[in-house]
Structures are given as structure tokens and as C-alpha cells.
N, C-alpha and C. Protein backbone atom coordinates (compact mmCIF):
# COMPACT_ATOMS: atom_id res chain seq x y z
N MET A 1 48.71 3.59 -193.42
CA MET A 1 48.73 2.17 -193.77
C MET A 1 47.49 1.50 -193.16
N THR A 2 46.80 0.73 -193.98
CA THR A 2 45.60 0.07 -193.49
C THR A 2 45.94 -1.34 -193.05
N ASP A 3 45.13 -1.81 -192.11
CA ASP A 3 45.31 -3.20 -191.65
C ASP A 3 44.88 -4.14 -192.76
N PRO A 4 45.58 -5.27 -192.89
CA PRO A 4 45.17 -6.26 -193.90
C PRO A 4 43.79 -6.81 -193.54
N ALA A 5 43.06 -7.22 -194.55
CA ALA A 5 41.75 -7.80 -194.33
C ALA A 5 41.91 -9.09 -193.52
N PRO A 6 41.01 -9.30 -192.57
CA PRO A 6 41.13 -10.54 -191.77
C PRO A 6 40.89 -11.76 -192.64
N LEU A 7 41.60 -12.83 -192.32
CA LEU A 7 41.37 -14.09 -193.02
C LEU A 7 40.11 -14.72 -192.49
N LEU A 8 39.26 -15.11 -193.39
CA LEU A 8 38.01 -15.74 -193.01
C LEU A 8 38.12 -17.25 -193.20
N PRO A 9 37.43 -18.03 -192.37
CA PRO A 9 37.50 -19.48 -192.57
C PRO A 9 36.81 -19.84 -193.89
N PRO A 10 37.22 -20.94 -194.49
CA PRO A 10 36.60 -21.37 -195.74
C PRO A 10 35.09 -21.56 -195.54
N ASP A 11 34.32 -21.08 -196.51
CA ASP A 11 32.88 -21.24 -196.44
C ASP A 11 32.47 -22.64 -196.91
N LEU A 12 31.18 -22.87 -196.90
CA LEU A 12 30.66 -24.19 -197.26
C LEU A 12 31.10 -24.61 -198.66
N GLU A 13 31.01 -23.69 -199.60
CA GLU A 13 31.36 -24.01 -200.99
C GLU A 13 32.85 -24.38 -201.11
N ALA A 14 33.69 -23.72 -200.33
CA ALA A 14 35.12 -24.03 -200.37
C ALA A 14 35.39 -25.43 -199.82
N VAL A 15 34.66 -25.81 -198.78
CA VAL A 15 34.85 -27.16 -198.21
C VAL A 15 34.30 -28.21 -199.20
N VAL A 16 33.21 -27.89 -199.88
CA VAL A 16 32.69 -28.80 -200.92
C VAL A 16 33.76 -28.99 -201.99
N ALA A 17 34.40 -27.91 -202.42
CA ALA A 17 35.46 -28.01 -203.44
C ALA A 17 36.62 -28.86 -202.94
N MET A 18 36.99 -28.72 -201.67
CA MET A 18 38.05 -29.54 -201.10
C MET A 18 37.66 -31.01 -201.09
N ALA A 19 36.40 -31.29 -200.76
CA ALA A 19 35.93 -32.68 -200.74
C ALA A 19 35.94 -33.26 -202.14
N GLU A 20 35.56 -32.47 -203.14
CA GLU A 20 35.58 -32.96 -204.53
C GLU A 20 37.01 -33.23 -204.98
N THR A 21 37.93 -32.36 -204.61
CA THR A 21 39.34 -32.57 -204.93
C THR A 21 39.85 -33.83 -204.24
N ALA A 22 39.47 -34.00 -202.98
CA ALA A 22 39.90 -35.19 -202.22
C ALA A 22 39.35 -36.45 -202.86
N LEU A 23 38.10 -36.42 -203.28
CA LEU A 23 37.49 -37.59 -203.91
C LEU A 23 38.23 -37.96 -205.19
N ALA A 24 38.72 -36.96 -205.91
CA ALA A 24 39.44 -37.22 -207.16
C ALA A 24 40.78 -37.92 -206.90
N THR A 25 41.27 -37.89 -205.64
CA THR A 25 42.55 -38.53 -205.32
C THR A 25 42.39 -39.94 -204.78
N VAL A 26 41.15 -40.39 -204.63
CA VAL A 26 40.91 -41.75 -204.15
C VAL A 26 41.33 -42.71 -205.27
N PRO A 27 42.05 -43.78 -204.91
CA PRO A 27 42.47 -44.75 -205.95
C PRO A 27 41.30 -45.19 -206.83
N ALA A 28 41.53 -45.32 -208.11
CA ALA A 28 40.48 -45.60 -209.09
C ALA A 28 39.67 -46.84 -208.74
N ARG A 29 40.33 -47.89 -208.24
CA ARG A 29 39.61 -49.13 -207.93
C ARG A 29 38.61 -48.91 -206.79
N LEU A 30 38.90 -47.96 -205.90
CA LEU A 30 37.94 -47.64 -204.83
C LEU A 30 36.91 -46.64 -205.31
N ALA A 31 37.35 -45.67 -206.07
CA ALA A 31 36.45 -44.61 -206.55
C ALA A 31 35.30 -45.19 -207.35
N ALA A 32 35.57 -46.22 -208.13
CA ALA A 32 34.52 -46.84 -208.95
C ALA A 32 33.43 -47.43 -208.05
N ARG A 33 33.81 -47.92 -206.88
CA ARG A 33 32.83 -48.52 -205.95
C ARG A 33 32.11 -47.48 -205.11
N VAL A 34 32.59 -46.23 -205.15
CA VAL A 34 31.96 -45.15 -204.40
C VAL A 34 30.99 -44.38 -205.29
N ARG A 35 31.06 -44.64 -206.58
CA ARG A 35 30.16 -43.97 -207.52
C ARG A 35 28.73 -44.16 -207.06
N GLY A 36 27.96 -43.09 -207.04
CA GLY A 36 26.57 -43.19 -206.62
C GLY A 36 26.37 -42.86 -205.14
N VAL A 37 27.45 -42.77 -204.39
CA VAL A 37 27.35 -42.37 -202.99
C VAL A 37 27.36 -40.84 -202.97
N GLY A 38 26.34 -40.27 -202.36
CA GLY A 38 26.27 -38.80 -202.29
C GLY A 38 27.22 -38.27 -201.25
N ILE A 39 27.83 -37.14 -201.55
CA ILE A 39 28.69 -36.47 -200.57
C ILE A 39 28.09 -35.10 -200.32
N VAL A 40 27.78 -34.84 -199.06
CA VAL A 40 27.12 -33.60 -198.67
C VAL A 40 27.96 -32.93 -197.59
N VAL A 41 28.14 -31.64 -197.72
CA VAL A 41 28.81 -30.87 -196.68
C VAL A 41 27.75 -30.01 -195.99
N GLU A 42 27.67 -30.15 -194.68
CA GLU A 42 26.73 -29.36 -193.88
C GLU A 42 27.52 -28.63 -192.79
N GLU A 43 26.91 -27.61 -192.25
CA GLU A 43 27.59 -26.84 -191.19
C GLU A 43 27.85 -27.66 -189.95
N LEU A 44 26.79 -28.30 -189.43
CA LEU A 44 26.86 -29.10 -188.20
C LEU A 44 25.89 -30.27 -188.30
N PRO A 45 26.17 -31.36 -187.59
CA PRO A 45 25.18 -32.43 -187.56
C PRO A 45 23.93 -31.96 -186.80
N ASP A 46 22.77 -32.49 -187.20
CA ASP A 46 21.54 -32.10 -186.53
C ASP A 46 21.37 -32.90 -185.23
N ASP A 47 20.42 -32.46 -184.41
CA ASP A 47 20.19 -33.10 -183.10
C ASP A 47 19.79 -34.56 -183.22
N ASP A 48 18.99 -34.90 -184.23
CA ASP A 48 18.56 -36.30 -184.42
C ASP A 48 19.78 -37.19 -184.68
N THR A 49 20.71 -36.70 -185.53
CA THR A 49 21.92 -37.47 -185.82
C THR A 49 22.76 -37.65 -184.56
N LEU A 50 22.92 -36.58 -183.79
CA LEU A 50 23.72 -36.66 -182.56
C LEU A 50 23.09 -37.66 -181.58
N ASP A 51 21.75 -37.59 -181.44
CA ASP A 51 21.06 -38.53 -180.54
C ASP A 51 21.25 -39.96 -181.00
N GLU A 52 21.07 -40.18 -182.31
CA GLU A 52 21.21 -41.52 -182.88
C GLU A 52 22.63 -42.07 -182.66
N MET A 53 23.62 -41.22 -182.76
CA MET A 53 25.00 -41.65 -182.62
C MET A 53 25.47 -41.68 -181.16
N GLY A 54 24.65 -41.14 -180.25
CA GLY A 54 25.03 -41.07 -178.84
C GLY A 54 26.13 -40.07 -178.59
N ILE A 55 26.13 -38.99 -179.37
CA ILE A 55 27.16 -37.97 -179.25
C ILE A 55 26.51 -36.72 -178.63
N GLU A 56 27.14 -36.18 -177.59
CA GLU A 56 26.56 -35.04 -176.90
C GLU A 56 26.82 -33.71 -177.60
N SER A 57 28.00 -33.55 -178.17
CA SER A 57 28.37 -32.26 -178.76
C SER A 57 28.52 -32.37 -180.27
N ALA A 58 27.89 -31.45 -180.98
CA ALA A 58 28.00 -31.41 -182.45
C ALA A 58 29.44 -31.20 -182.89
N TRP A 59 30.28 -30.65 -182.03
CA TRP A 59 31.67 -30.37 -182.37
C TRP A 59 32.52 -31.63 -182.41
N ASP A 60 31.96 -32.75 -181.93
CA ASP A 60 32.72 -34.01 -181.88
C ASP A 60 32.52 -34.88 -183.12
N LEU A 61 31.70 -34.44 -184.08
CA LEU A 61 31.44 -35.27 -185.25
C LEU A 61 31.84 -34.49 -186.51
N THR A 62 32.92 -34.95 -187.16
CA THR A 62 33.40 -34.28 -188.38
C THR A 62 32.83 -34.90 -189.65
N GLY A 63 32.42 -36.16 -189.59
CA GLY A 63 31.88 -36.81 -190.77
C GLY A 63 31.02 -38.01 -190.38
N LEU A 64 30.19 -38.44 -191.33
CA LEU A 64 29.30 -39.56 -191.05
C LEU A 64 28.96 -40.26 -192.36
N TYR A 65 29.01 -41.59 -192.32
CA TYR A 65 28.54 -42.41 -193.44
C TYR A 65 27.17 -42.93 -193.08
N ARG A 66 26.19 -42.72 -193.95
CA ARG A 66 24.85 -43.26 -193.76
C ARG A 66 24.54 -44.17 -194.94
N GLY A 67 24.28 -45.41 -194.65
CA GLY A 67 23.96 -46.35 -195.71
C GLY A 67 24.26 -47.76 -195.28
N VAL A 68 24.22 -48.62 -196.25
CA VAL A 68 24.53 -50.04 -196.00
C VAL A 68 25.90 -50.30 -196.58
N PRO A 69 26.87 -50.71 -195.74
CA PRO A 69 28.21 -50.99 -196.25
C PRO A 69 28.17 -52.04 -197.36
N LEU A 70 29.10 -51.94 -198.28
CA LEU A 70 29.16 -52.87 -199.41
C LEU A 70 29.18 -54.32 -198.94
N THR A 71 29.81 -54.58 -197.80
CA THR A 71 29.92 -55.94 -197.29
C THR A 71 28.57 -56.51 -196.83
N GLN A 72 27.57 -55.62 -196.68
CA GLN A 72 26.26 -56.06 -196.21
C GLN A 72 25.18 -55.91 -197.28
N GLN A 73 25.56 -55.47 -198.48
CA GLN A 73 24.58 -55.30 -199.54
C GLN A 73 24.33 -56.60 -200.28
N SER A 74 23.13 -56.72 -200.82
CA SER A 74 22.74 -57.91 -201.57
C SER A 74 21.93 -57.48 -202.78
N VAL A 75 22.00 -58.26 -203.84
CA VAL A 75 21.22 -57.96 -205.04
C VAL A 75 19.72 -58.10 -204.76
N SER A 76 19.36 -58.80 -203.69
CA SER A 76 17.95 -58.97 -203.35
C SER A 76 17.45 -57.91 -202.36
N ASP A 77 18.29 -56.91 -202.08
CA ASP A 77 17.86 -55.82 -201.18
C ASP A 77 16.65 -55.09 -201.75
N VAL A 78 15.79 -54.65 -200.84
CA VAL A 78 14.70 -53.79 -201.25
C VAL A 78 15.26 -52.41 -201.57
N VAL A 79 14.53 -51.64 -202.36
CA VAL A 79 14.99 -50.29 -202.68
C VAL A 79 15.14 -49.51 -201.39
N ARG A 80 16.24 -48.83 -201.27
CA ARG A 80 16.53 -48.08 -200.04
C ARG A 80 17.05 -46.70 -200.41
N GLN A 81 17.23 -45.90 -199.38
CA GLN A 81 17.80 -44.58 -199.58
C GLN A 81 19.21 -44.72 -200.12
N PRO A 82 19.67 -43.77 -200.95
CA PRO A 82 21.06 -43.86 -201.42
C PRO A 82 22.05 -43.67 -200.27
N ASP A 83 23.21 -44.31 -200.39
CA ASP A 83 24.26 -44.12 -199.39
C ASP A 83 24.75 -42.67 -199.47
N MET A 84 25.05 -42.10 -198.31
CA MET A 84 25.49 -40.71 -198.23
C MET A 84 26.68 -40.59 -197.28
N ILE A 85 27.57 -39.68 -197.63
CA ILE A 85 28.66 -39.30 -196.74
C ILE A 85 28.44 -37.83 -196.41
N PHE A 86 28.42 -37.55 -195.11
CA PHE A 86 28.26 -36.18 -194.65
C PHE A 86 29.58 -35.70 -194.06
N LEU A 87 30.00 -34.53 -194.46
CA LEU A 87 31.14 -33.85 -193.86
C LEU A 87 30.58 -32.62 -193.15
N TYR A 88 31.02 -32.38 -191.93
CA TYR A 88 30.50 -31.27 -191.15
C TYR A 88 31.55 -30.17 -191.02
N ARG A 89 31.29 -29.07 -191.71
CA ARG A 89 32.24 -27.97 -191.88
C ARG A 89 32.76 -27.41 -190.56
N GLN A 90 31.89 -27.01 -189.67
CA GLN A 90 32.35 -26.34 -188.46
C GLN A 90 33.20 -27.24 -187.55
N PRO A 91 32.81 -28.51 -187.31
CA PRO A 91 33.70 -29.36 -186.53
C PRO A 91 35.04 -29.63 -187.23
N ILE A 92 35.03 -29.72 -188.57
CA ILE A 92 36.29 -29.89 -189.30
C ILE A 92 37.17 -28.66 -189.11
N LEU A 93 36.57 -27.48 -189.19
CA LEU A 93 37.35 -26.25 -188.99
C LEU A 93 37.89 -26.15 -187.57
N LEU A 94 37.10 -26.59 -186.58
CA LEU A 94 37.58 -26.58 -185.21
C LEU A 94 38.78 -27.50 -185.06
N GLU A 95 38.70 -28.71 -185.63
CA GLU A 95 39.83 -29.63 -185.57
C GLU A 95 41.05 -29.04 -186.27
N TRP A 96 40.83 -28.38 -187.39
CA TRP A 96 41.91 -27.71 -188.14
C TRP A 96 42.60 -26.69 -187.25
N ILE A 97 41.82 -25.88 -186.57
CA ILE A 97 42.37 -24.84 -185.67
C ILE A 97 43.13 -25.49 -184.51
N GLU A 98 42.53 -26.52 -183.93
CA GLU A 98 43.13 -27.16 -182.75
C GLU A 98 44.40 -27.93 -183.08
N THR A 99 44.46 -28.55 -184.27
CA THR A 99 45.59 -29.42 -184.59
C THR A 99 46.63 -28.73 -185.47
N GLY A 100 46.23 -27.71 -186.21
CA GLY A 100 47.15 -27.07 -187.15
C GLY A 100 47.43 -27.89 -188.39
N GLU A 101 46.68 -29.00 -188.56
CA GLU A 101 46.86 -29.85 -189.75
C GLU A 101 46.42 -29.08 -191.00
N ASP A 102 47.03 -29.38 -192.12
CA ASP A 102 46.64 -28.80 -193.39
C ASP A 102 45.15 -29.10 -193.61
N LEU A 103 44.36 -28.08 -193.92
CA LEU A 103 42.91 -28.25 -194.05
C LEU A 103 42.54 -29.21 -195.18
N HIS A 104 43.23 -29.14 -196.30
CA HIS A 104 42.93 -30.04 -197.40
C HIS A 104 43.18 -31.50 -196.98
N ARG A 105 44.27 -31.72 -196.27
CA ARG A 105 44.57 -33.09 -195.78
C ARG A 105 43.52 -33.55 -194.79
N LEU A 106 43.07 -32.63 -193.94
CA LEU A 106 42.06 -32.99 -192.95
C LEU A 106 40.74 -33.36 -193.61
N VAL A 107 40.30 -32.57 -194.57
CA VAL A 107 39.06 -32.87 -195.28
C VAL A 107 39.20 -34.22 -195.98
N ARG A 108 40.34 -34.45 -196.63
CA ARG A 108 40.57 -35.73 -197.31
C ARG A 108 40.55 -36.88 -196.30
N SER A 109 41.15 -36.69 -195.15
CA SER A 109 41.19 -37.74 -194.13
C SER A 109 39.79 -38.09 -193.64
N VAL A 110 38.96 -37.07 -193.39
CA VAL A 110 37.59 -37.32 -192.95
C VAL A 110 36.81 -38.04 -194.06
N LEU A 111 36.97 -37.58 -195.29
CA LEU A 111 36.27 -38.21 -196.42
C LEU A 111 36.70 -39.68 -196.57
N ILE A 112 37.99 -39.94 -196.54
CA ILE A 112 38.49 -41.31 -196.69
C ILE A 112 37.98 -42.19 -195.54
N HIS A 113 37.94 -41.63 -194.35
CA HIS A 113 37.43 -42.36 -193.19
C HIS A 113 35.99 -42.81 -193.45
N GLU A 114 35.18 -41.90 -193.96
CA GLU A 114 33.77 -42.23 -194.20
C GLU A 114 33.63 -43.17 -195.40
N ILE A 115 34.46 -43.03 -196.41
CA ILE A 115 34.44 -43.98 -197.53
C ILE A 115 34.78 -45.38 -197.02
N ALA A 116 35.72 -45.47 -196.09
CA ALA A 116 36.10 -46.77 -195.52
C ALA A 116 34.88 -47.41 -194.84
N HIS A 117 34.04 -46.62 -194.20
CA HIS A 117 32.83 -47.18 -193.61
C HIS A 117 31.92 -47.73 -194.70
N HIS A 118 31.87 -47.08 -195.85
CA HIS A 118 31.09 -47.58 -197.00
C HIS A 118 31.57 -48.98 -197.40
N PHE A 119 32.87 -49.20 -197.27
CA PHE A 119 33.43 -50.50 -197.60
C PHE A 119 33.31 -51.51 -196.46
N GLY A 120 32.67 -51.09 -195.36
CA GLY A 120 32.44 -52.00 -194.25
C GLY A 120 33.54 -52.05 -193.21
N PHE A 121 34.50 -51.13 -193.27
CA PHE A 121 35.57 -51.10 -192.28
C PHE A 121 35.03 -50.56 -190.97
N SER A 122 35.48 -51.13 -189.87
CA SER A 122 35.15 -50.61 -188.54
C SER A 122 36.11 -49.46 -188.23
N ASP A 123 35.80 -48.71 -187.16
CA ASP A 123 36.72 -47.65 -186.75
C ASP A 123 38.09 -48.22 -186.39
N ALA A 124 38.11 -49.41 -185.76
CA ALA A 124 39.39 -50.04 -185.40
C ALA A 124 40.18 -50.40 -186.66
N ASP A 125 39.49 -50.92 -187.70
CA ASP A 125 40.16 -51.24 -188.97
C ASP A 125 40.76 -49.98 -189.60
N ILE A 126 40.01 -48.90 -189.55
CA ILE A 126 40.46 -47.64 -190.15
C ILE A 126 41.67 -47.10 -189.40
N GLU A 127 41.61 -47.16 -188.07
CA GLU A 127 42.75 -46.70 -187.26
C GLU A 127 44.00 -47.51 -187.57
N ALA A 128 43.86 -48.82 -187.74
CA ALA A 128 44.99 -49.67 -188.07
C ALA A 128 45.57 -49.28 -189.43
N LEU A 129 44.70 -49.02 -190.40
CA LEU A 129 45.18 -48.60 -191.72
C LEU A 129 45.90 -47.26 -191.65
N GLU A 130 45.34 -46.33 -190.88
CA GLU A 130 45.98 -45.02 -190.74
C GLU A 130 47.35 -45.12 -190.09
N ARG A 131 47.49 -46.04 -189.12
CA ARG A 131 48.81 -46.25 -188.48
C ARG A 131 49.80 -46.81 -189.48
N GLU A 132 49.33 -47.72 -190.37
CA GLU A 132 50.21 -48.31 -191.38
C GLU A 132 50.69 -47.24 -192.37
N GLU A 133 49.78 -46.31 -192.74
CA GLU A 133 50.14 -45.26 -193.68
C GLU A 133 51.05 -44.23 -193.07
N GLY A 134 51.09 -44.18 -191.73
CA GLY A 134 51.95 -43.20 -191.06
C GLY A 134 51.20 -41.95 -190.87
């Protein structure tokens, strides 16, 4: 009898697919306002991002919204970089291992958290919403 093949963690493409599935579950009225925001999955945040955010360990950042929140945008804005949401695969997988939460739910939670920043919500606002949802 042979040993079963070891389970491998989801690769980058699998996490991208989870993020796309999660995005499809965002309520339509919000999804329409997220159109045009790029979603990128990377292994880890880079050193410049960590320095900018004041974060010492790459393992502490599961996602990041880069852009101008809708509440701060104006029709008279100069052309700028497109808004982006970054999901970081390895820190998400570490949180998954540490918490035992369903990975699809975790990816969705990180994505929704970053979408909320696109809408101008603060971390405190997001935490309050998460408490309301249970």
C-alpha cells in the first residue's frame, strides 16, 4: 500500500480563481462600483509596501487597497494610476492554517475588506460591519 500523495497548498492560480469567485458574490450595486479596479494576487508584499505601511513582517499583510477611495475622487482629478486590490497568497495561507477558517471564506473576507477601503471605509468601519454580520 502506498502513502497518499501529500496535499499541497493552493497555488497562485487557485487563489486567483477563489478571488474571482468571491468577486462574483459581491452585491451587484457594489460590484458595479468596483468595475475597473484591478485585483492582483501576489505571493508576498514587497519591502517598499511593507515600509510604506509601517509593517515589519510580510506575514502580517493579507491584502492591500491602493488607490483613491470613491469618497475622495472627483471628476476634476488628474489622470492617475488605476485603483488596485492586492491579495497576498502566503500570508492568507498562513492565516488559513492558524485559524482553520474555510479558505474560500478567508479569501472572500480579505477581498471584501479591501473593496471596503475602495469605498472609503476605515478599518474601524469595516470591523463594525463585520461584527454586525456576525
